[in-house]
Amino acid sequence: MASLDRVKVLVLGDSGVGKSSLVHLLCQNQVLGNPSWTVGCSVDVRELYWYMT
């Protein structure tokens, strides 16, 4: 049986460069239609499963 590893990714950068839009695209598989300014932090979760043999 394969073990399941977890990875947490922290996205940092200057304001207005599209960090929240990138994370939303990667987690939801859709473009953020009308992005607004994120104040503080935004959290999004995506679970990926893969098995190594």
PDB file of N, CA and C in Angstrom:
ATOM      1  N   MET A   1       0.848  -1.174   0.000  1.00  0.00           N
ATOM      2  CA  MET A   1       0.000   0.000   0.000  1.00  0.00           C
ATOM      3  C   MET A   1       0.894   1.238   0.000  1.00  0.00           C
ATOM      4  N   ALA A   2       0.587   2.201  -0.807  1.00  0.00           N
ATOM      5  CA  ALA A   2       1.380   3.430  -0.910  1.00  0.00           C
ATOM      6  C   ALA A   2       1.020   4.390   0.219  1.00  0.00           C
ATOM      7  N   SER A   3       2.005   5.140   0.649  1.00  0.00           N
ATOM      8  CA  SER A   3       1.739   6.131   1.692  1.00  0.00           C
ATOM      9  C   SER A   3       1.256   7.424   1.057  1.00  0.00           C
ATOM     10  N   LEU A   4       0.455   8.141   1.792  1.00  0.00           N
ATOM     11  CA  LEU A   4      -0.082   9.410   1.316  1.00  0.00           C
ATOM     12  C   LEU A   4       0.680  10.534   1.987  1.00  0.00           C
ATOM     13  N   ASP A   5       1.336  11.363   1.206  1.00  0.00           N
ATOM     14  CA  ASP A   5       2.090  12.492   1.726  1.00  0.00           C
ATOM     15  C   ASP A   5       1.297  13.774   1.513  1.00  0.00           C
ATOM     16  N   ARG A   6       1.468  14.706   2.447  1.00  0.00           N
ATOM     17  CA  ARG A   6       0.810  16.002   2.322  1.00  0.00           C
ATOM     18  C   ARG A   6       1.853  17.069   2.079  1.00  0.00           C
ATOM     19  N   VAL A   7       1.485  18.003   1.254  1.00  0.00           N
ATOM     20  CA  VAL A   7       2.356  19.128   0.958  1.00  0.00           C
ATOM     21  C   VAL A   7       1.557  20.392   1.156  1.00  0.00           C
ATOM     22  N   LYS A   8       2.118  21.334   1.885  1.00  0.00           N
ATOM     23  CA  LYS A   8       1.496  22.638   2.034  1.00  0.00           C
ATOM     24  C   LYS A   8       2.326  23.642   1.255  1.00  0.00           C
ATOM     25  N   VAL A   9       1.653  24.463   0.467  1.00  0.00           N
ATOM     26  CA  VAL A   9       2.336  25.429  -0.375  1.00  0.00           C
ATOM     27  C   VAL A   9       1.951  26.827   0.071  1.00  0.00           C
ATOM     28  N   LEU A  10       2.931  27.659   0.276  1.00  0.00           N
ATOM     29  CA  LEU A  10       2.727  29.053   0.656  1.00  0.00           C
ATOM     30  C   LEU A  10       3.123  29.920  -0.528  1.00  0.00           C
ATOM     31  N   VAL A  11       2.200  30.758  -0.989  1.00  0.00           N
ATOM     32  CA  VAL A  11       2.455  31.621  -2.136  1.00  0.00           C
ATOM     33  C   VAL A  11       2.668  33.039  -1.626  1.00  0.00           C
ATOM     34  N   LEU A  12       3.828  33.581  -1.897  1.00  0.00           N
ATOM     35  CA  LEU A  12       4.185  34.931  -1.462  1.00  0.00           C
ATOM     36  C   LEU A  12       4.536  35.793  -2.666  1.00  0.00           C
ATOM     37  N   GLY A  13       4.320  37.083  -2.530  1.00  0.00           N
ATOM     38  CA  GLY A  13       4.704  38.003  -3.590  1.00  0.00           C
ATOM     39  C   GLY A  13       4.159  39.389  -3.343  1.00  0.00           C
ATOM     40  N   ASP A  14       4.532  40.300  -4.201  1.00  0.00           N
ATOM     41  CA  ASP A  14       4.067  41.676  -4.104  1.00  0.00           C
ATOM     42  C   ASP A  14       2.559  41.746  -4.331  1.00  0.00           C
ATOM     43  N   SER A  15       1.973  42.836  -3.877  1.00  0.00           N
ATOM     44  CA  SER A  15       0.529  43.010  -4.050  1.00  0.00           C
ATOM     45  C   SER A  15       0.193  43.237  -5.521  1.00  0.00           C
ATOM     46  N   GLY A  16      -0.940  42.676  -5.917  1.00  0.00           N
ATOM     47  CA  GLY A  16      -1.451  42.903  -7.266  1.00  0.00           C
ATOM     48  C   GLY A  16      -0.810  42.076  -8.356  1.00  0.00           C
ATOM     49  N   VAL A  17      -0.049  41.026  -8.018  1.00  0.00           N
ATOM     50  CA  VAL A  17       0.608  40.246  -9.063  1.00  0.00           C
ATOM     51  C   VAL A  17      -0.178  39.011  -9.481  1.00  0.00           C
ATOM     52  N   GLY A  18      -1.257  38.668  -8.754  1.00  0.00           N
ATOM     53  CA  GLY A  18      -2.114  37.560  -9.160  1.00  0.00           C
ATOM     54  C   GLY A  18      -1.941  36.283  -8.363  1.00  0.00           C
ATOM     55  N   LYS A  19      -1.468  36.385  -7.132  1.00  0.00           N
ATOM     56  CA  LYS A  19      -1.292  35.187  -6.296  1.00  0.00           C
ATOM     57  C   LYS A  19      -2.613  34.479  -6.061  1.00  0.00           C
ATOM     58  N   SER A  20      -3.628  35.209  -5.655  1.00  0.00           N
ATOM     59  CA  SER A  20      -4.939  34.597  -5.387  1.00  0.00           C
ATOM     60  C   SER A  20      -5.547  34.016  -6.656  1.00  0.00           C
ATOM     61  N   SER A  21      -5.376  34.686  -7.781  1.00  0.00           N
ATOM     62  CA  SER A  21      -5.899  34.174  -9.048  1.00  0.00           C
ATOM     63  C   SER A  21      -5.199  32.888  -9.447  1.00  0.00           C
ATOM     64  N   LEU A  22      -3.897  32.816  -9.243  1.00  0.00           N
ATOM     65  CA  LEU A  22      -3.150  31.606  -9.561  1.00  0.00           C
ATOM     66  C   LEU A  22      -3.589  30.443  -8.680  1.00  0.00           C
ATOM     67  N   VAL A  23      -3.700  30.672  -7.383  1.00  0.00           N
ATOM     68  CA  VAL A  23      -4.115  29.614  -6.465  1.00  0.00           C
ATOM     69  C   VAL A  23      -5.526  29.154  -6.792  1.00  0.00           C
ATOM     70  N   HIS A  24      -6.419  30.084  -7.091  1.00  0.00           N
ATOM     71  CA  HIS A  24      -7.790  29.721  -7.455  1.00  0.00           C
ATOM     72  C   HIS A  24      -7.805  28.871  -8.725  1.00  0.00           C
ATOM     73  N   LEU A  25      -7.011  29.244  -9.709  1.00  0.00           N
ATOM     74  CA  LEU A  25      -6.941  28.484 -10.957  1.00  0.00           C
ATOM     75  C   LEU A  25      -6.426  27.073 -10.703  1.00  0.00           C
ATOM     76  N   LEU A  26      -5.394  26.924  -9.900  1.00  0.00           N
ATOM     77  CA  LEU A  26      -4.830  25.613  -9.628  1.00  0.00           C
ATOM     78  C   LEU A  26      -5.757  24.741  -8.788  1.00  0.00           C
ATOM     79  N   CYS A  27      -6.494  25.343  -7.868  1.00  0.00           N
ATOM     80  CA  CYS A  27      -7.349  24.557  -6.971  1.00  0.00           C
ATOM     81  C   CYS A  27      -8.735  24.298  -7.534  1.00  0.00           C
ATOM     82  N   GLN A  28      -9.290  25.234  -8.265  1.00  0.00           N
ATOM     83  CA  GLN A  28     -10.666  25.107  -8.748  1.00  0.00           C
ATOM     84  C   GLN A  28     -10.771  24.773 -10.235  1.00  0.00           C
ATOM     85  N   ASN A  29      -9.649  24.801 -10.953  1.00  0.00           N
ATOM     86  CA  ASN A  29      -9.619  24.549 -12.398  1.00  0.00           C
ATOM     87  C   ASN A  29     -10.503  25.513 -13.185  1.00  0.00           C
ATOM     88  N   GLN A  30     -10.606  26.734 -12.719  1.00  0.00           N
ATOM     89  CA  GLN A  30     -11.346  27.753 -13.449  1.00  0.00           C
ATOM     90  C   GLN A  30     -10.735  29.120 -13.168  1.00  0.00           C
ATOM     91  N   VAL A  31     -10.837  29.978 -14.155  1.00  0.00           N
ATOM     92  CA  VAL A  31     -10.284  31.322 -14.037  1.00  0.00           C
ATOM     93  C   VAL A  31     -11.179  32.147 -13.125  1.00  0.00           C
ATOM     94  N   LEU A  32     -10.572  32.932 -12.273  1.00  0.00           N
ATOM     95  CA  LEU A  32     -11.300  33.822 -11.382  1.00  0.00           C
ATOM     96  C   LEU A  32     -11.819  34.986 -12.214  1.00  0.00           C
ATOM     97  N   GLY A  33     -13.136  35.021 -12.431  1.00  0.00           N
ATOM     98  CA  GLY A  33     -13.741  35.963 -13.361  1.00  0.00           C
ATOM     99  C   GLY A  33     -13.565  37.423 -13.012  1.00  0.00           C
ATOM    100  N   ASN A  34     -13.866  37.802 -11.788  1.00  0.00           N
ATOM    101  CA  ASN A  34     -13.775  39.191 -11.376  1.00  0.00           C
ATOM    102  C   ASN A  34     -12.996  39.252 -10.056  1.00  0.00           C
ATOM    103  N   PRO A  35     -11.668  39.188 -10.136  1.00  0.00           N
ATOM    104  CA  PRO A  35     -10.884  39.151  -8.898  1.00  0.00           C
ATOM    105  C   PRO A  35     -10.964  40.465  -8.131  1.00  0.00           C
ATOM    106  N   SER A  36     -10.997  40.347  -6.823  1.00  0.00           N
ATOM    107  CA  SER A  36     -10.973  41.530  -5.969  1.00  0.00           C
ATOM    108  C   SER A  36      -9.716  41.473  -5.115  1.00  0.00           C
ATOM    109  N   TRP A  37      -9.384  42.575  -4.490  1.00  0.00           N
ATOM    110  CA  TRP A  37      -8.199  42.631  -3.642  1.00  0.00           C
ATOM    111  C   TRP A  37      -8.387  41.700  -2.449  1.00  0.00           C
ATOM    112  N   THR A  38      -7.359  40.935  -2.141  1.00  0.00           N
ATOM    113  CA  THR A  38      -7.366  40.051  -0.981  1.00  0.00           C
ATOM    114  C   THR A  38      -6.728  40.799   0.177  1.00  0.00           C
ATOM    115  N   VAL A  39      -7.455  40.925   1.263  1.00  0.00           N
ATOM    116  CA  VAL A  39      -6.931  41.602   2.445  1.00  0.00           C
ATOM    117  C   VAL A  39      -6.586  40.541   3.479  1.00  0.00           C
ATOM    118  N   GLY A  40      -5.345  40.501   3.911  1.00  0.00           N
ATOM    119  CA  GLY A  40      -4.925  39.497   4.892  1.00  0.00           C
ATOM    120  C   GLY A  40      -4.465  38.242   4.195  1.00  0.00           C
ATOM    121  N   CYS A  41      -5.329  37.238   4.151  1.00  0.00           N
ATOM    122  CA  CYS A  41      -4.949  35.994   3.487  1.00  0.00           C
ATOM    123  C   CYS A  41      -6.177  35.333   2.881  1.00  0.00           C
ATOM    124  N   SER A  42      -5.903  34.455   1.967  1.00  0.00           N
ATOM    125  CA  SER A  42      -6.936  33.654   1.329  1.00  0.00           C
ATOM    126  C   SER A  42      -6.484  32.202   1.396  1.00  0.00           C
ATOM    127  N   VAL A  43      -7.380  31.293   1.730  1.00  0.00           N
ATOM    128  CA  VAL A  43      -7.029  29.885   1.867  1.00  0.00           C
ATOM    129  C   VAL A  43      -7.861  29.080   0.885  1.00  0.00           C
ATOM    130  N   ASP A  44      -7.190  28.202   0.160  1.00  0.00           N
ATOM    131  CA  ASP A  44      -7.876  27.311  -0.769  1.00  0.00           C
ATOM    132  C   ASP A  44      -7.222  25.937  -0.646  1.00  0.00           C
ATOM    133  N   VAL A  45      -8.006  24.891  -0.774  1.00  0.00           N
ATOM    134  CA  VAL A  45      -7.504  23.532  -0.559  1.00  0.00           C
ATOM    135  C   VAL A  45      -7.834  22.672  -1.759  1.00  0.00           C
ATOM    136  N   ARG A  46      -6.866  21.871  -2.165  1.00  0.00           N
ATOM    137  CA  ARG A  46      -7.102  20.886  -3.217  1.00  0.00           C
ATOM    138  C   ARG A  46      -6.359  19.625  -2.821  1.00  0.00           C
ATOM    139  N   GLU A  47      -7.037  18.510  -2.904  1.00  0.00           N
ATOM    140  CA  GLU A  47      -6.412  17.231  -2.600  1.00  0.00           C
ATOM    141  C   GLU A  47      -6.102  16.514  -3.892  1.00  0.00           C
ATOM    142  N   LEU A  48      -4.867  16.107  -4.026  1.00  0.00           N
ATOM    143  CA  LEU A  48      -4.430  15.336  -5.185  1.00  0.00           C
ATOM    144  C   LEU A  48      -3.976  13.978  -4.691  1.00  0.00           C
ATOM    145  N   TYR A  49      -4.360  12.946  -5.379  1.00  0.00           N
ATOM    146  CA  TYR A  49      -3.964  11.606  -5.009  1.00  0.00           C
ATOM    147  C   TYR A  49      -3.146  11.006  -6.138  1.00  0.00           C
ATOM    148  N   TRP A  50      -2.027  10.450  -5.778  1.00  0.00           N
ATOM    149  CA  TRP A  50      -1.240   9.723  -6.741  1.00  0.00           C
ATOM    150  C   TRP A  50      -0.553   8.581  -6.016  1.00  0.00           C
ATOM    151  N   TYR A  51      -0.296   7.550  -6.760  1.00  0.00           N
ATOM    152  CA  TYR A  51       0.306   6.361  -6.176  1.00  0.00           C
ATOM    153  C   TYR A  51       1.600   6.065  -6.914  1.00  0.00           C
ATOM    154  N   MET A  52       2.625   5.809  -6.154  1.00  0.00           N
ATOM    155  CA  MET A  52       3.904   5.444  -6.742  1.00  0.00           C
ATOM    156  C   MET A  52       4.111   3.948  -6.531  1.00  0.00           C
ATOM    157  N   THR A  53       4.443   3.251  -7.588  1.00  0.00           N
ATOM    158  CA  THR A  53       4.655   1.815  -7.474  1.00  0.00           C
ATOM    159  C   THR A  53       6.117   1.481  -7.544  1.00  0.00           C
TER     160      THR A  53
END
